[in-house]
PDB file of all heavy atoms in Angstrom:
ATOM      1  N   LEU A   1     155.223-112.956   3.319  1.00  0.00           N
ATOM      2  CA  LEU A   1     155.902-114.012   2.593  1.00  0.00           C
ATOM      3  C   LEU A   1     156.738-114.897   3.501  1.00  0.00           C
ATOM      4  O   LEU A   1     157.383-114.389   4.368  1.00  0.00           O
ATOM      5  CB  LEU A   1     156.800-113.405   1.480  1.00  0.00           C
ATOM      6  CG  LEU A   1     156.108-112.522   0.459  1.00  0.00           C
ATOM      7  CD1 LEU A   1     157.132-111.841  -0.425  1.00  0.00           C
ATOM      8  CD2 LEU A   1     155.123-113.344  -0.413  1.00  0.00           C
ATOM      9  N   PRO A   2     156.764-116.205   3.242  1.00  0.00           N
ATOM     10  CA  PRO A   2     157.620-117.096   4.094  1.00  0.00           C
ATOM     11  C   PRO A   2     159.107-116.782   3.875  1.00  0.00           C
ATOM     12  O   PRO A   2     159.537-116.464   2.780  1.00  0.00           O
ATOM     13  CB  PRO A   2     157.241-118.505   3.590  1.00  0.00           C
ATOM     14  CG  PRO A   2     156.701-118.327   2.221  1.00  0.00           C
ATOM     15  CD  PRO A   2     156.028-116.959   2.214  1.00  0.00           C
ATOM     16  N   PHE A   3     159.818-116.912   4.929  1.00  0.00           N
ATOM     17  CA  PHE A   3     161.261-116.547   4.920  1.00  0.00           C
ATOM     18  C   PHE A   3     162.058-117.657   5.567  1.00  0.00           C
ATOM     19  O   PHE A   3     161.766-118.123   6.682  1.00  0.00           O
ATOM     20  CB  PHE A   3     161.473-115.241   5.645  1.00  0.00           C
ATOM     21  CG  PHE A   3     162.912-114.823   5.689  1.00  0.00           C
ATOM     22  CD1 PHE A   3     163.550-114.282   4.609  1.00  0.00           C
ATOM     23  CD2 PHE A   3     163.697-114.979   6.866  1.00  0.00           C
ATOM     24  CE1 PHE A   3     164.869-113.937   4.646  1.00  0.00           C
ATOM     25  CE2 PHE A   3     165.029-114.608   6.913  1.00  0.00           C
ATOM     26  CZ  PHE A   3     165.613-114.067   5.779  1.00  0.00           C
ATOM     27  N   GLY A   4     163.157-118.075   4.937  1.00  0.00           N
ATOM     28  CA  GLY A   4     164.047-119.095   5.480  1.00  0.00           C
ATOM     29  C   GLY A   4     164.930-119.644   4.383  1.00  0.00           C
ATOM     30  O   GLY A   4     164.829-119.251   3.197  1.00  0.00           O
ATOM     31  N   GLY A   5     165.819-120.543   4.765  1.00  0.00           N
ATOM     32  CA  GLY A   5     166.789-121.069   3.803  1.00  0.00           C
ATOM     33  C   GLY A   5     166.890-122.537   3.737  1.00  0.00           C
ATOM     34  O   GLY A   5     166.157-123.274   4.381  1.00  0.00           O
ATOM     35  N   ILE A   6     167.820-122.985   2.870  1.00  0.00           N
ATOM     36  CA  ILE A   6     168.149-124.396   2.745  1.00  0.00           C
ATOM     37  C   ILE A   6     169.660-124.545   2.907  1.00  0.00           C
ATOM     38  O   ILE A   6     170.328-123.553   3.147  1.00  0.00           O
ATOM     39  CB  ILE A   6     167.693-125.003   1.399  1.00  0.00           C
ATOM     40  CG1 ILE A   6     168.359-124.270   0.215  1.00  0.00           C
ATOM     41  CG2 ILE A   6     166.153-124.933   1.233  1.00  0.00           C
ATOM     42  CD1 ILE A   6     168.132-124.861  -1.145  1.00  0.00           C
ATOM     43  N   LYS A   7     170.176-125.782   2.825  1.00  0.00           N
ATOM     44  CA  LYS A   7     171.553-126.091   3.031  1.00  0.00           C
ATOM     45  C   LYS A   7     171.983-125.518   4.349  1.00  0.00           C
ATOM     46  O   LYS A   7     171.292-125.620   5.326  1.00  0.00           O
ATOM     47  CB  LYS A   7     172.389-125.570   1.834  1.00  0.00           C
ATOM     48  CG  LYS A   7     172.003-126.218   0.488  1.00  0.00           C
ATOM     49  CD  LYS A   7     172.981-126.017  -0.620  1.00  0.00           C
ATOM     50  CE  LYS A   7     172.912-124.681  -1.271  1.00  0.00           C
ATOM     51  NZ  LYS A   7     173.686-124.547  -2.503  1.00  0.00           N
ATOM     52  N   LYS A   8     173.139-124.932   4.453  1.00  0.00           N
ATOM     53  CA  LYS A   8     173.616-124.390   5.727  1.00  0.00           C
ATOM     54  C   LYS A   8     173.038-123.058   6.154  1.00  0.00           C
ATOM     55  O   LYS A   8     173.531-122.464   7.117  1.00  0.00           O
ATOM     56  CB  LYS A   8     175.179-124.346   5.698  1.00  0.00           C
ATOM     57  CG  LYS A   8     175.796-125.773   5.720  1.00  0.00           C
ATOM     58  CD  LYS A   8     177.304-125.699   5.937  1.00  0.00           C
ATOM     59  CE  LYS A   8     177.912-127.109   6.063  1.00  0.00           C
ATOM     60  NZ  LYS A   8     179.395-127.047   6.243  1.00  0.00           N
ATOM     61  N   SER A   9     172.018-122.663   5.430  1.00  0.00           N
ATOM     62  CA  SER A   9     171.300-121.423   5.818  1.00  0.00           C
ATOM     63  C   SER A   9     170.158-121.711   6.752  1.00  0.00           C
ATOM     64  O   SER A   9     169.409-120.825   7.125  1.00  0.00           O
ATOM     65  CB  SER A   9     170.824-120.668   4.572  1.00  0.00           C
ATOM     66  OG  SER A   9     171.863-120.132   3.867  1.00  0.00           O
ATOM     67  N   GLY A  10     169.970-122.999   7.097  1.00  0.00           N
ATOM     68  CA  GLY A  10     169.032-123.359   8.108  1.00  0.00           C
ATOM     69  C   GLY A  10     167.790-124.127   7.595  1.00  0.00           C
ATOM     70  O   GLY A  10     167.803-124.578   6.477  1.00  0.00           O
ATOM     71  N   PHE A  11     166.745-124.255   8.412  1.00  0.00           N
ATOM     72  CA  PHE A  11     165.562-124.991   8.069  1.00  0.00           C
ATOM     73  C   PHE A  11     164.365-124.415   8.823  1.00  0.00           C
ATOM     74  O   PHE A  11     164.505-123.750   9.838  1.00  0.00           O
ATOM     75  CB  PHE A  11     165.660-126.473   8.311  1.00  0.00           C
ATOM     76  CG  PHE A  11     166.180-126.851   9.680  1.00  0.00           C
ATOM     77  CD1 PHE A  11     165.398-126.775  10.785  1.00  0.00           C
ATOM     78  CD2 PHE A  11     167.483-127.374   9.828  1.00  0.00           C
ATOM     79  CE1 PHE A  11     165.859-127.155  12.056  1.00  0.00           C
ATOM     80  CE2 PHE A  11     167.984-127.710  11.088  1.00  0.00           C
ATOM     81  CZ  PHE A  11     167.129-127.600  12.152  1.00  0.00           C
ATOM     82  N   GLY A  12     163.212-124.686   8.297  1.00  0.00           N
ATOM     83  CA  GLY A  12     161.973-124.099   8.830  1.00  0.00           C
ATOM     84  C   GLY A  12     161.684-122.754   8.200  1.00  0.00           C
ATOM     85  O   GLY A  12     162.541-122.232   7.418  1.00  0.00           O
ATOM     86  N   ARG A  13     160.560-122.207   8.476  1.00  0.00           N
ATOM     87  CA  ARG A  13     160.173-120.888   7.857  1.00  0.00           C
ATOM     88  C   ARG A  13     159.621-119.990   8.907  1.00  0.00           C
ATOM     89  O   ARG A  13     158.918-120.367   9.832  1.00  0.00           O
ATOM     90  CB  ARG A  13     159.122-121.115   6.772  1.00  0.00           C
ATOM     91  CG  ARG A  13     159.688-121.816   5.500  1.00  0.00           C
ATOM     92  CD  ARG A  13     160.684-120.936   4.831  1.00  0.00           C
ATOM     93  NE  ARG A  13     161.300-121.514   3.653  1.00  0.00           N
ATOM     94  CZ  ARG A  13     162.448-122.211   3.622  1.00  0.00           C
ATOM     95  NH1 ARG A  13     163.118-122.433   4.763  1.00  0.00           N
ATOM     96  NH2 ARG A  13     162.944-122.711   2.509  1.00  0.00           N
ATOM     97  N   GLU A  14     159.877-118.721   8.743  1.00  0.00           N
ATOM     98  CA  GLU A  14     159.357-117.658   9.550  1.00  0.00           C
ATOM     99  C   GLU A  14     158.419-116.841   8.662  1.00  0.00           C
ATOM    100  O   GLU A  14     158.509-116.908   7.422  1.00  0.00           O
ATOM    101  CB  GLU A  14     160.415-116.779  10.134  1.00  0.00           C
ATOM    102  CG  GLU A  14     161.314-117.489  11.133  1.00  0.00           C
ATOM    103  CD  GLU A  14     162.328-116.572  11.748  1.00  0.00           C
ATOM    104  OE1 GLU A  14     163.340-116.203  11.059  1.00  0.00           O
ATOM    105  OE2 GLU A  14     162.170-116.176  12.929  1.00  0.00           O
ATOM    106  N   LEU A  15     157.585-116.046   9.244  1.00  0.00           N
ATOM    107  CA  LEU A  15     156.662-115.114   8.602  1.00  0.00           C
ATOM    108  C   LEU A  15     155.581-115.838   7.790  1.00  0.00           C
ATOM    109  O   LEU A  15     155.615-117.049   7.627  1.00  0.00           O
ATOM    110  CB  LEU A  15     157.435-114.127   7.716  1.00  0.00           C
ATOM    111  CG  LEU A  15     158.495-113.278   8.484  1.00  0.00           C
ATOM    112  CD1 LEU A  15     159.243-112.414   7.521  1.00  0.00           C
ATOM    113  CD2 LEU A  15     157.830-112.459   9.610  1.00  0.00           C
ATOM    114  N   SER A  16     154.610-115.117   7.326  1.00  0.00           N
ATOM    115  CA  SER A  16     153.436-115.589   6.622  1.00  0.00           C
ATOM    116  C   SER A  16     152.664-116.624   7.525  1.00  0.00           C
ATOM    117  O   SER A  16     152.951-116.782   8.683  1.00  0.00           O
ATOM    118  CB  SER A  16     153.799-116.192   5.256  1.00  0.00           C
ATOM    119  OG  SER A  16     154.193-117.541   5.416  1.00  0.00           O
ATOM    120  N   TYR A  17     151.693-117.315   6.914  1.00  0.00           N
ATOM    121  CA  TYR A  17     150.971-118.314   7.671  1.00  0.00           C
ATOM    122  C   TYR A  17     151.824-119.496   7.979  1.00  0.00           C
ATOM    123  O   TYR A  17     151.591-120.216   8.978  1.00  0.00           O
ATOM    124  CB  TYR A  17     149.698-118.719   6.885  1.00  0.00           C
ATOM    125  CG  TYR A  17     149.964-119.571   5.670  1.00  0.00           C
ATOM    126  CD1 TYR A  17     149.972-120.985   5.766  1.00  0.00           C
ATOM    127  CD2 TYR A  17     150.261-119.019   4.440  1.00  0.00           C
ATOM    128  CE1 TYR A  17     150.239-121.775   4.647  1.00  0.00           C
ATOM    129  CE2 TYR A  17     150.479-119.808   3.309  1.00  0.00           C
ATOM    130  CZ  TYR A  17     150.462-121.172   3.456  1.00  0.00           C
ATOM    131  OH  TYR A  17     150.725-121.942   2.323  1.00  0.00           O
ATOM    132  N   LEU A  18     152.860-119.756   7.180  1.00  0.00           N
ATOM    133  CA  LEU A  18     153.799-120.853   7.471  1.00  0.00           C
ATOM    134  C   LEU A  18     154.580-120.600   8.780  1.00  0.00           C
ATOM    135  O   LEU A  18     154.848-121.538   9.527  1.00  0.00           O
ATOM    136  CB  LEU A  18     154.725-121.113   6.315  1.00  0.00           C
ATOM    137  CG  LEU A  18     154.068-121.561   5.026  1.00  0.00           C
ATOM    138  CD1 LEU A  18     155.075-121.572   3.896  1.00  0.00           C
ATOM    139  CD2 LEU A  18     153.478-122.938   5.188  1.00  0.00           C
ATOM    140  N   GLY A  19     154.959-119.359   8.954  1.00  0.00           N
ATOM    141  CA  GLY A  19     155.717-119.017  10.183  1.00  0.00           C
ATOM    142  C   GLY A  19     154.974-119.207  11.463  1.00  0.00           C
ATOM    143  O   GLY A  19     155.492-119.747  12.421  1.00  0.00           O
ATOM    144  N   ILE A  20     153.720-118.782  11.484  1.00  0.00           N
ATOM    145  CA  ILE A  20     152.918-118.946  12.684  1.00  0.00           C
ATOM    146  C   ILE A  20     152.601-120.400  12.988  1.00  0.00           C
ATOM    147  O   ILE A  20     152.306-120.764  14.109  1.00  0.00           O
ATOM    148  CB  ILE A  20     151.611-118.083  12.628  1.00  0.00           C
ATOM    149  CG1 ILE A  20     151.074-117.847  14.037  1.00  0.00           C
ATOM    150  CG2 ILE A  20     150.546-118.715  11.741  1.00  0.00           C
ATOM    151  CD1 ILE A  20     149.985-116.871  14.126  1.00  0.00           C
ATOM    152  N   ARG A  21     152.600-121.225  11.958  1.00  0.00           N
ATOM    153  CA  ARG A  21     152.327-122.696  12.149  1.00  0.00           C
ATOM    154  C   ARG A  21     153.512-123.511  12.543  1.00  0.00           C
ATOM    155  O   ARG A  21     153.403-124.698  12.722  1.00  0.00           O
ATOM    156  CB  ARG A  21     151.665-123.232  10.881  1.00  0.00           C
ATOM    157  CG  ARG A  21     150.274-122.663  10.600  1.00  0.00           C
ATOM    158  CD  ARG A  21     149.656-123.243   9.389  1.00  0.00           C
ATOM    159  NE  ARG A  21     148.371-122.667   9.103  1.00  0.00           N
ATOM    160  CZ  ARG A  21     147.668-122.963   8.025  1.00  0.00           C
ATOM    161  NH1 ARG A  21     148.068-123.835   7.135  1.00  0.00           N
ATOM    162  NH2 ARG A  21     146.440-122.411   7.826  1.00  0.00           N
ATOM    163  N   GLU A  22     154.711-122.871  12.590  1.00  0.00           N
ATOM    164  CA  GLU A  22     155.884-123.650  13.043  1.00  0.00           C
ATOM    165  C   GLU A  22     155.785-124.126  14.472  1.00  0.00           C
ATOM    166  O   GLU A  22     156.289-125.123  14.827  1.00  0.00           O
ATOM    167  CB  GLU A  22     157.142-122.809  12.764  1.00  0.00           C
ATOM    168  CG  GLU A  22     157.590-122.684  11.370  1.00  0.00           C
ATOM    169  CD  GLU A  22     158.248-123.960  10.795  1.00  0.00           C
ATOM    170  OE1 GLU A  22     158.300-124.989  11.501  1.00  0.00           O
ATOM    171  OE2 GLU A  22     158.718-123.884   9.600  1.00  0.00           O
ATOM    172  N   PHE A  23     155.263-123.222  15.316  1.00  0.00           N
ATOM    173  CA  PHE A  23     155.206-123.507  16.769  1.00  0.00           C
ATOM    174  C   PHE A  23     153.832-123.692  17.308  1.00  0.00           C
ATOM    175  O   PHE A  23     153.383-123.029  18.227  1.00  0.00           O
ATOM    176  CB  PHE A  23     155.965-122.390  17.515  1.00  0.00           C
ATOM    177  CG  PHE A  23     157.424-122.332  17.133  1.00  0.00           C
ATOM    178  CD1 PHE A  23     157.983-121.141  16.638  1.00  0.00           C
ATOM    179  CD2 PHE A  23     158.231-123.406  17.319  1.00  0.00           C
ATOM    180  CE1 PHE A  23     159.309-121.072  16.349  1.00  0.00           C
ATOM    181  CE2 PHE A  23     159.598-123.354  16.997  1.00  0.00           C
ATOM    182  CZ  PHE A  23     160.128-122.183  16.512  1.00  0.00           C
ATOM    183  N   VAL A  24     153.114-124.617  16.663  1.00  0.00           N
ATOM    184  CA  VAL A  24     151.793-125.014  17.116  1.00  0.00           C
ATOM    185  C   VAL A  24     151.695-126.551  16.987  1.00  0.00           C
ATOM    186  O   VAL A  24     152.499-127.169  16.207  1.00  0.00           O
ATOM    187  CB  VAL A  24     150.645-124.343  16.307  1.00  0.00           C
ATOM    188  CG1 VAL A  24     150.566-122.888  16.544  1.00  0.00           C
ATOM    189  CG2 VAL A  24     150.785-124.668  14.797  1.00  0.00           C
ATOM    190  N   ASN A  25     150.809-127.108  17.715  1.00  0.00           N
ATOM    191  CA  ASN A  25     150.469-128.512  17.589  1.00  0.00           C
ATOM    192  C   ASN A  25     149.426-128.664  16.450  1.00  0.00           C
ATOM    193  O   ASN A  25     148.310-128.227  16.611  1.00  0.00           O
ATOM    194  CB  ASN A  25     149.915-129.134  18.883  1.00  0.00           C
ATOM    195  CG  ASN A  25     149.458-130.576  18.716  1.00  0.00           C
ATOM    196  OD1 ASN A  25     149.876-131.190  17.813  1.00  0.00           O
ATOM    197  ND2 ASN A  25     148.637-131.005  19.605  1.00  0.00           N
ATOM    198  N   ILE A  26     149.809-129.159  15.318  1.00  0.00           N
ATOM    199  CA  ILE A  26     148.920-129.397  14.228  1.00  0.00           C
ATOM    200  C   ILE A  26     148.159-130.684  14.471  1.00  0.00           C
ATOM    201  O   ILE A  26     148.693-131.736  14.251  1.00  0.00           O
ATOM    202  CB  ILE A  26     149.666-129.364  12.886  1.00  0.00           C
ATOM    203  CG1 ILE A  26     150.468-128.082  12.694  1.00  0.00           C
ATOM    204  CG2 ILE A  26     148.656-129.587  11.732  1.00  0.00           C
ATOM    205  CD1 ILE A  26     151.306-128.073  11.477  1.00  0.00           C
ATOM    206  N   LYS A  27     147.010-130.532  15.041  1.00  0.00           N
ATOM    207  CA  LYS A  27     146.286-131.687  15.547  1.00  0.00           C
ATOM    208  C   LYS A  27     145.174-132.184  14.605  1.00  0.00           C
ATOM    209  O   LYS A  27     144.367-131.347  14.108  1.00  0.00           O
ATOM    210  CB  LYS A  27     145.646-131.361  16.920  1.00  0.00           C
ATOM    211  CG  LYS A  27     144.892-132.524  17.546  1.00  0.00           C
ATOM    212  CD  LYS A  27     144.166-132.092  18.850  1.00  0.00           C
ATOM    213  CE  LYS A  27     145.162-131.930  19.991  1.00  0.00           C
ATOM    214  NZ  LYS A  27     144.494-131.598  21.260  1.00  0.00           N
ATOM    215  N   THR A  28     145.126-133.465  14.364  1.00  0.00           N
ATOM    216  CA  THR A  28     144.047-134.053  13.603  1.00  0.00           C
ATOM    217  C   THR A  28     143.012-134.541  14.555  1.00  0.00           C
ATOM    218  O   THR A  28     143.234-135.258  15.533  1.00  0.00           O
ATOM    219  CB  THR A  28     144.557-135.278  12.790  1.00  0.00           C
ATOM    220  OG1 THR A  28     145.486-134.798  11.788  1.00  0.00           O
ATOM    221  CG2 THR A  28     143.420-136.012  12.075  1.00  0.00           C
ATOM    222  N   ILE A  29     141.708-134.195  14.236  1.00  0.00           N
ATOM    223  CA  ILE A  29     140.552-134.640  15.014  1.00  0.00           C
ATOM    224  C   ILE A  29     139.664-135.401  14.048  1.00  0.00           C
ATOM    225  O   ILE A  29     139.236-134.873  13.031  1.00  0.00           O
ATOM    226  CB  ILE A  29     139.801-133.498  15.629  1.00  0.00           C
ATOM    227  CG1 ILE A  29     140.727-132.838  16.700  1.00  0.00           C
ATOM    228  CG2 ILE A  29     138.532-133.997  16.356  1.00  0.00           C
ATOM    229  CD1 ILE A  29     140.089-131.620  17.388  1.00  0.00           C
ATOM    230  N   TRP A  30     139.389-136.675  14.348  1.00  0.00           N
ATOM    231  CA  TRP A  30     138.594-137.558  13.501  1.00  0.00           C
ATOM    232  C   TRP A  30     137.348-137.950  14.252  1.00  0.00           C
ATOM    233  O   TRP A  30     137.391-138.415  15.438  1.00  0.00           O
ATOM    234  CB  TRP A  30     139.435-138.821  13.173  1.00  0.00           C
ATOM    235  CG  TRP A  30     138.809-139.771  12.137  1.00  0.00           C
ATOM    236  CD1 TRP A  30     139.126-139.826  10.837  1.00  0.00           C
ATOM    237  CD2 TRP A  30     137.904-140.804  12.381  1.00  0.00           C
ATOM    238  NE1 TRP A  30     138.428-140.865  10.235  1.00  0.00           N
ATOM    239  CE2 TRP A  30     137.620-141.483  11.166  1.00  0.00           C
ATOM    240  CE3 TRP A  30     137.205-141.263  13.573  1.00  0.00           C
ATOM    241  CZ2 TRP A  30     136.787-142.589  11.060  1.00  0.00           C
ATOM    242  CZ3 TRP A  30     136.322-142.320  13.411  1.00  0.00           C
ATOM    243  CH2 TRP A  30     136.110-143.006  12.184  1.00  0.00           C
ATOM    244  N   ILE A  31     136.157-137.817  13.672  1.00  0.00           N
ATOM    245  CA  ILE A  31     134.899-138.066  14.316  1.00  0.00           C
ATOM    246  C   ILE A  31     134.078-139.072  13.488  1.00  0.00           C
ATOM    247  O   ILE A  31     133.826-138.820  12.322  1.00  0.00           O
ATOM    248  CB  ILE A  31     134.061-136.765  14.514  1.00  0.00           C
ATOM    249  CG1 ILE A  31     134.890-135.735  15.291  1.00  0.00           C
ATOM    250  CG2 ILE A  31     132.763-137.075  15.250  1.00  0.00           C
ATOM    251  CD1 ILE A  31     134.284-134.376  15.301  1.00  0.00           C
ATOM    252  N   GLY A  32     133.726-140.169  14.159  1.00  0.00           N
ATOM    253  CA  GLY A  32     132.916-141.196  13.475  1.00  0.00           C
ATOM    254  C   GLY A  32     131.403-140.925  13.617  1.00  0.00           C
ATOM    255  O   GLY A  32     130.997-140.057  14.349  1.00  0.00           O
ATOM    256  N   LEU A  33     130.648-141.731  12.919  1.00  0.00           N
ATOM    257  CA  LEU A  33     129.185-141.573  12.960  1.00  0.00           C
ATOM    258  C   LEU A  33     128.666-142.065  14.362  1.00  0.00           C
ATOM    259  O   LEU A  33     129.271-143.002  14.968  1.00  0.00           O
ATOM    260  CB  LEU A  33     128.547-142.479  11.935  1.00  0.00           C
ATOM    261  CG  LEU A  33     128.511-141.860  10.479  1.00  0.00           C
ATOM    262  CD1 LEU A  33     128.051-142.956   9.489  1.00  0.00           C
ATOM    263  CD2 LEU A  33     127.608-140.691  10.402  1.00  0.00           C
ATOM    264  N   VAL A  34     127.660-141.412  14.841  1.00  0.00           N
ATOM    265  CA  VAL A  34     127.069-141.743  16.121  1.00  0.00           C
ATOM    266  C   VAL A  34     125.813-142.596  15.822  1.00  0.00           C
ATOM    267  O   VAL A  34     125.011-142.226  14.917  1.00  0.00           O
ATOM    268  CB  VAL A  34     126.676-140.514  16.908  1.00  0.00           C
ATOM    269  CG1 VAL A  34     125.961-140.925  18.184  1.00  0.00           C
ATOM    270  CG2 VAL A  34     127.920-139.681  17.230  1.00  0.00           C
ATOM    271  N   ALA A  35     125.662-143.723  16.506  1.00  0.00           N
ATOM    272  CA  ALA A  35     124.495-144.565  16.264  1.00  0.00           C
ATOM    273  C   ALA A  35     123.212-143.870  16.658  1.00  0.00           C
ATOM    274  O   ALA A  35     123.133-143.175  17.648  1.00  0.00           O
ATOM    275  CB  ALA A  35     124.601-145.860  17.073  1.00  0.00           C
TER     276      ALA A  35
END
């Protein structure tokens, strides 16, 4: 389960899939049609 707070308890989330995605480059890759 994601873990973290709001207000003066902080920001961001640890644990669950949200936690592992905090410290990655979430990269978009867009590919167009090839002639």
